[in-house]
Structures are given as structure tokens and as C-alpha cells.
């Protein structure tokens, strides 16, 4: 019932799907899919060596992309959808998804086309002050949205009933791998609870394995953390062994004990207005 992997699944046709997941999990994911697919009439093709991705994110991403494509980027291309479009004359599979909480697109193209695609986007972005961001910035922004990361927040040790992703799984009337374990954990009184924390520190960020305490007792563990630059707050995702705890929590960071409080909603754009814009 634990979480073995995390995919974005794009329906290209009723019988054709495009899956993307963490690069570090590629071989494991392929083995998992092929094992589950045995006995079904389907074909799995690994296309990592053929396709690459450029992420165009931010409030001005639509204006930048509009400068190099004639595709409808408004009502005809809603949030959480996929379209095959041309960008600067290059065939692109565009996914309107965002891991950072901003309006944006993942632009998937053949690897040989990526340099030309990058150059076209860079040229179109100059008048809009476009810059570049890396993994640390992405981690900061996804924490501000409370988004979980595979391998840290999503693991085989915890079920969707504990990770906060239970709304994505419907066990009623369906059979799937891990269903029995998941339904047991959903009803278990001792199941863990994942929470998003605001941590009162501006010197050292909370990080994986930092312990949580309540009244001097260990009650949980941080799975990922960092500084939220848009909200000006240290943040952490953590599992609580005792569900429902909200007040009196502390985190031990490098021998220092600092207060932490559970956030009821992500501190940045909790209603997803930016991504849906």
C-alpha cells in the first residue's frame, strides 16, 4: 500500500498515454510497469533517450510562449491538459502543469530539437525579463505549495492515506496493487499524518530526518524542508506519529530546538489561482 513511484499521466488518445516521472526512478519505474503489464494487451516504450523537457514557468510564461506559437494558450488550453503544438516551428508536446505553483508549461520535444527550442524561448523571453531557475529554487517553490517529492515525502513506507494524497485514490469497487493494505491503513487509528510546517528559523533550514517533538516526546520526522523565498518563511514537510497535533511542536535542527506550527493551507496561492490563470 506504500507509494512506489509518482507519475504524470497524459492521455494522448483513448488508448495511448504518455508517462513522466523522476529521472532517478527511471529503471525502477520501467521494471514496475512491465511487471504490472504482464498479461495485458499493451506496449510500453521507453522514450527517455528520444525526448527532453524545457519548463517555462512564471506569470509571464503565457506571453513568452505566445511569441513563438500560434496555439491557443487560453481557454482552449486549460490547466492540467496536454496539447501537441508547434513552438518556433518545432513539434512540441506541451503539458500545462506546474510543480512550483505558477502559471506555466512543460515543453516536451525531441532531444535534437531542444537547442533550437531553448534559443527561441530565450529570445522571446528577453523583453519580458526572463531568467533561469534550478533545482534548489524549484524545491523552495514546491514547498511553498506543500507539494510532496518522490523519494523523500512519498515512500514505500507510507500509504496515500498518510501522505495526504488519499484523494487521488478511489479504492471503492476497484482492484489494484496494494488495495488491501491501503484500506487497512485508511481505517487504522495509528496511521501517520503528513503535515506542512512553518518553522521559526532563519539561519539553518529544516531538512530530512530532523526530529519533531511535542512536550519533550518525539512525535514525528521531517522528510524535506527549505526556505520559502516568496513567503519569507522556513518550511518543512513532516510525518506526525500522533495525528491531530497542532500546537506545541518543535523541530531539532543541528542540536537547536525551534518552534514549528502546522499550516492549514499552503502559504503561497492556496487556491491555485496563478496556475489556473
Protein backbone atom coordinates (compact mmCIF):
# COMPACT_ATOMS: atom_id res chain seq x y z
CA UNK A 1 0.00 0.00 0.00
CA UNK A 2 3.01 2.32 0.07
CA UNK A 3 3.93 4.75 -2.69
CA UNK A 4 6.43 3.16 -5.06
CA UNK A 5 6.51 5.95 -7.60
CA UNK A 6 4.84 9.11 -8.86
CA UNK A 7 3.87 9.78 -12.48
CA UNK A 8 2.29 12.50 -14.54
CA UNK A 9 -0.02 10.65 -16.94
CA UNK A 10 -1.11 12.48 -20.10
CA UNK A 11 -3.85 10.93 -22.25
CA UNK A 12 -2.80 11.44 -25.89
CA UNK A 13 -5.67 9.25 -27.12
CA UNK A 14 -8.13 6.85 -25.51
CA UNK A 15 -5.59 4.04 -25.88
CA UNK A 16 -2.29 5.96 -25.78
CA UNK A 17 -0.69 7.54 -22.72
CA UNK A 18 2.49 9.49 -22.04
CA UNK A 19 4.06 8.98 -18.61
CA UNK A 20 6.76 11.09 -16.97
CA UNK A 21 8.37 10.52 -13.58
CA UNK A 22 11.53 11.24 -11.58
CA UNK A 23 14.72 10.71 -13.58
CA UNK A 24 16.34 8.87 -10.68
CA UNK A 25 13.49 6.35 -10.68
CA UNK A 26 13.54 5.52 -14.39
CA UNK A 27 14.81 1.94 -14.23
CA UNK A 28 12.69 1.08 -11.20
CA UNK A 29 9.61 2.60 -12.81
CA UNK A 30 10.14 0.70 -16.05
CA UNK A 31 10.57 -2.59 -14.19
CA UNK A 32 7.44 -1.86 -12.15
CA UNK A 33 5.34 -1.01 -15.20
CA UNK A 34 6.50 -4.01 -17.21
CA UNK A 35 5.81 -6.36 -14.31
CA UNK A 36 2.30 -4.95 -13.84
CA UNK A 37 1.64 -5.01 -17.59
CA UNK A 38 2.30 -8.74 -17.96
CA UNK A 39 -0.85 -10.41 -19.22
CA UNK A 40 -2.37 -7.25 -20.68
CA UNK A 41 -2.53 -6.32 -24.36
CA UNK A 42 -0.33 -3.24 -24.31
CA UNK A 43 3.07 -1.98 -25.37
CA UNK A 44 5.49 0.07 -23.25
CA UNK A 45 8.18 2.14 -24.97
CA UNK A 46 10.91 3.95 -23.04
CA UNK A 47 11.48 7.31 -24.75
CA UNK A 48 13.89 9.00 -22.32
CA UNK A 49 16.67 8.92 -24.90
CA UNK A 50 14.41 10.49 -27.52
CA UNK A 51 12.53 13.22 -25.63
CA UNK A 52 13.64 16.05 -23.38
CA UNK A 53 11.84 18.75 -21.40
CA UNK A 54 12.10 22.52 -21.00
CA UNK A 55 9.95 24.04 -18.24
CA UNK A 56 8.61 27.53 -18.93
CA UNK A 57 7.12 28.84 -15.69
CA UNK A 58 6.01 32.15 -14.22
CA UNK A 59 3.39 34.91 -14.55
CA UNK A 60 4.75 35.92 -17.97
CA UNK A 61 5.08 32.38 -19.36
CA UNK A 62 1.95 32.72 -21.50
CA UNK A 63 3.16 35.98 -23.04
CA UNK A 64 6.57 34.47 -23.78
CA UNK A 65 5.14 31.29 -25.29
CA UNK A 66 2.63 33.29 -27.35
CA UNK A 67 5.57 34.98 -29.04
CA UNK A 68 6.71 31.70 -30.61
CA UNK A 69 3.47 29.78 -31.21
CA UNK A 70 0.07 30.33 -32.81
CA UNK A 71 -1.57 27.79 -30.50
CA UNK A 72 -4.45 28.80 -28.24
CA UNK A 73 -2.89 29.27 -24.80
CA UNK A 74 -6.06 30.49 -23.12
CA UNK A 75 -9.42 28.79 -22.66
CA UNK A 76 -8.50 26.20 -25.28
CA UNK A 77 -5.56 25.04 -23.19
CA UNK A 78 -6.81 24.68 -19.60
CA UNK A 79 -4.81 23.76 -16.53
CA UNK A 80 -3.90 20.05 -16.28
CA UNK A 81 -4.24 19.37 -20.01
CA UNK A 82 -1.88 18.37 -22.83
CA UNK A 83 -1.70 19.60 -26.42
CA UNK A 84 0.50 18.85 -29.43
CA UNK A 85 1.60 22.28 -30.70
CA UNK A 86 4.35 23.91 -32.75
CA UNK A 87 6.78 26.26 -30.98
CA UNK A 88 9.07 28.21 -33.31
CA UNK A 89 8.18 25.60 -35.93
CA UNK A 90 9.27 22.74 -33.64
CA UNK A 91 6.80 19.95 -32.77
CA UNK A 92 6.18 20.12 -29.03
CA UNK A 93 4.07 18.12 -26.62
CA UNK A 94 3.01 20.82 -24.17
CA UNK A 95 1.72 19.93 -20.69
CA UNK A 96 0.04 22.69 -18.71
CA UNK A 97 1.28 21.54 -15.32
CA UNK A 98 3.42 23.20 -12.68
CA UNK A 99 5.46 21.90 -9.76
CA UNK A 100 6.19 25.40 -8.46
CA UNK A 101 2.74 26.96 -8.15
CA UNK A 102 2.96 29.39 -11.07
CA UNK A 103 1.32 29.58 -14.47
CA UNK A 104 3.44 27.50 -16.81
CA UNK A 105 4.04 24.72 -19.29
CA UNK A 106 6.33 21.73 -19.60
CA UNK A 107 7.50 21.67 -23.21
CA UNK A 108 8.44 18.16 -24.33
CA UNK A 109 10.35 17.86 -27.59
CA UNK A 110 12.79 15.56 -29.30
CA UNK A 111 16.29 15.92 -27.94
CA UNK A 112 17.73 17.04 -31.27
CA UNK A 113 15.25 19.94 -31.28
CA UNK A 114 15.93 21.13 -27.72
CA UNK A 115 18.80 23.56 -28.51
CA UNK A 116 16.71 25.38 -31.13
CA UNK A 117 13.68 25.37 -28.84
CA UNK A 118 15.72 26.78 -25.98
CA UNK A 119 17.18 29.53 -28.19
CA UNK A 120 13.72 30.52 -29.45
CA UNK A 121 12.32 30.73 -25.92
CA UNK A 122 15.34 32.67 -24.66
CA UNK A 123 14.96 35.21 -27.47
CA UNK A 124 11.21 35.57 -26.88
CA UNK A 125 11.75 35.96 -23.15
CA UNK A 126 14.27 38.79 -23.26
CA UNK A 127 11.68 41.56 -23.50
CA UNK A 128 9.87 40.02 -20.51
CA UNK A 129 12.95 39.80 -18.30
CA UNK A 130 13.01 36.01 -18.36
CA UNK A 131 15.60 34.29 -16.18
CA UNK A 132 16.56 30.75 -15.30
CA UNK A 133 15.93 28.65 -12.19
CA UNK A 134 17.45 25.45 -10.88
CA UNK A 135 16.66 22.57 -8.57
CA UNK A 136 17.10 24.47 -5.29
CA UNK A 137 14.70 27.21 -6.41
CA UNK A 138 12.22 24.58 -7.58
CA UNK A 139 12.44 22.82 -4.22
CA UNK A 140 11.77 26.08 -2.40
CA UNK A 141 8.73 26.86 -4.52
CA UNK A 142 7.20 23.39 -4.35
CA UNK A 143 7.46 23.51 -0.53
CA UNK A 144 5.50 26.78 -0.56
CA UNK A 145 2.72 24.83 -2.28
CA UNK A 146 3.04 21.82 0.01
CA UNK A 147 3.87 19.56 -2.94
CA UNK A 148 5.36 16.21 -2.00
CA UNK A 149 8.56 14.84 -3.56
CA UNK A 150 9.12 11.23 -4.52
CA UNK A 151 11.85 9.50 -2.53
CA UNK A 152 11.53 11.87 0.43
CA UNK A 153 7.87 12.62 1.16
CA UNK A 154 6.45 9.80 -0.98
CA UNK A 155 7.99 6.46 0.02
CA UNK A 156 7.08 2.79 0.15
CA UNK A 157 6.80 3.13 3.94
CA UNK A 158 3.70 5.34 3.83
CA UNK A 159 0.38 4.88 2.07
CA UNK A 160 -1.64 7.60 0.31
CA UNK A 161 -3.85 7.60 3.41
CA UNK A 162 -0.86 9.04 5.28
CA UNK A 163 0.88 11.16 2.64
CA UNK A 164 -2.08 13.47 2.07
CA UNK A 165 -2.64 12.05 -1.42
CA UNK A 166 -5.61 9.91 -0.45
CA UNK A 167 -7.96 11.99 -2.59
CA UNK A 168 -6.15 10.65 -5.68
CA UNK A 169 -7.00 7.02 -4.89
CA UNK A 170 -10.52 5.55 -5.04
CA UNK A 171 -10.47 2.03 -3.58
CA UNK A 172 -14.25 1.50 -3.65
CA UNK A 173 -15.32 -1.15 -6.16
CA UNK A 174 -11.89 -1.42 -7.75
CA UNK A 175 -9.00 -3.86 -7.57
CA UNK A 176 -5.38 -2.70 -7.77
CA UNK A 177 -1.98 -3.50 -6.30
CA UNK A 178 -1.82 -2.52 -2.63
CA UNK A 179 -5.57 -2.03 -2.21
CA UNK A 180 -5.89 -4.27 0.85
CA UNK A 181 -3.01 -2.57 2.66
CA UNK A 182 -4.30 0.87 1.75
CA UNK A 183 -7.82 0.26 3.01
CA UNK A 184 -6.45 -1.13 6.28
CA UNK A 185 -4.28 1.94 6.81
CA UNK A 186 -7.15 4.28 5.93
CA UNK A 187 -9.11 2.84 8.86
CA UNK A 188 -6.17 2.44 11.26
CA UNK A 189 -6.09 4.68 14.32
CA UNK A 190 -2.29 4.60 14.37
CA UNK A 191 -1.74 5.82 10.82
CA UNK A 192 0.76 8.63 10.34
CA UNK A 193 -0.19 12.12 9.16
CA UNK A 194 1.82 14.28 6.78
CA UNK A 195 1.73 18.00 7.57
CA UNK A 196 3.24 21.21 6.22
CA UNK A 197 5.08 23.15 8.90
CA UNK A 198 6.17 26.76 9.29
CA UNK A 199 9.43 26.56 11.23
CA UNK A 200 10.68 29.55 13.22
CA UNK A 201 14.27 29.70 11.99
CA UNK A 202 16.04 31.99 9.57
CA UNK A 203 19.55 30.57 9.94
CA UNK A 204 19.53 26.83 9.19
CA UNK A 205 16.78 25.22 7.13
CA UNK A 206 14.92 22.14 8.34
CA UNK A 207 15.98 19.06 6.42
CA UNK A 208 15.36 15.35 6.02
CA UNK A 209 15.45 13.33 9.27
CA UNK A 210 15.21 16.27 11.68
CA UNK A 211 13.01 15.05 14.58
CA UNK A 212 9.77 16.64 15.78
CA UNK A 213 8.86 16.86 19.45
CA UNK A 214 5.77 17.63 21.49
CA UNK A 215 6.12 18.19 25.23
CA UNK A 216 9.59 16.68 25.03
CA UNK A 217 8.41 13.48 23.33
CA UNK A 218 9.46 12.52 19.77
CA UNK A 219 6.31 12.56 17.65
CA UNK A 220 7.50 12.76 14.06
CA UNK A 221 10.18 13.35 11.49
CA UNK A 222 10.89 15.93 8.79
CA UNK A 223 11.03 14.48 5.28
CA UNK A 224 12.00 17.62 3.35
CA UNK A 225 12.41 21.31 4.04
CA UNK A 226 13.88 24.61 2.95
CA UNK A 227 13.37 28.35 2.83
CA UNK A 228 10.28 29.71 1.07
CA UNK A 229 11.56 32.84 -0.64
CA UNK A 230 8.15 34.04 -1.84
CA UNK A 231 6.59 33.81 1.62
CA UNK A 232 9.73 34.58 3.68
CA UNK A 233 9.39 31.52 5.88
CA UNK A 234 11.27 28.28 6.61
CA UNK A 235 9.03 25.35 5.68
CA UNK A 236 9.07 21.61 6.18
CA UNK A 237 7.01 18.60 5.25
CA UNK A 238 6.88 16.07 8.06
CA UNK A 239 5.14 12.94 9.27
CA UNK A 240 3.43 13.02 12.65
CA UNK A 241 3.14 9.74 14.51
CA UNK A 242 0.27 11.21 16.52
CA UNK A 243 -2.37 12.61 14.22
CA UNK A 244 -4.10 15.86 15.08
CA UNK A 245 -1.21 17.55 16.89
CA UNK A 246 -1.19 21.25 16.06
CA UNK A 247 0.21 23.26 18.97
CA UNK A 248 3.43 22.98 20.94
CA UNK A 249 5.52 21.33 18.22
CA UNK A 250 9.28 21.84 17.96
CA UNK A 251 11.94 20.72 15.49
CA UNK A 252 15.50 19.87 16.44
CA UNK A 253 17.89 21.31 13.84
CA UNK A 254 21.60 20.63 14.37
CA UNK A 255 21.14 20.49 18.13
CA UNK A 256 18.90 23.55 18.33
CA UNK A 257 15.22 23.32 19.26
CA UNK A 258 12.98 25.72 17.33
CA UNK A 259 9.18 26.16 17.36
CA UNK A 260 7.05 24.89 14.48
CA UNK A 261 3.38 25.18 13.66
CA UNK A 262 1.16 23.21 11.32
CA UNK A 263 -0.21 25.18 8.37
CA UNK A 264 -3.80 24.51 7.39
CA UNK A 265 -3.12 25.64 3.80
CA UNK A 266 -0.05 26.29 1.65
CA UNK A 267 1.38 29.76 2.29
CA UNK A 268 1.60 30.59 -1.42
CA UNK A 269 -1.55 30.86 -3.56
CA UNK A 270 -3.56 28.23 -1.66
CA UNK A 271 -6.45 28.29 -4.16
CA UNK A 272 -4.20 27.76 -7.23
CA UNK A 273 -5.34 30.96 -8.92
CA UNK A 274 -1.94 31.53 -10.52
CA UNK A 275 -1.74 28.10 -12.13
CA UNK A 276 -5.33 28.33 -13.37
CA UNK A 277 -4.95 31.89 -14.72
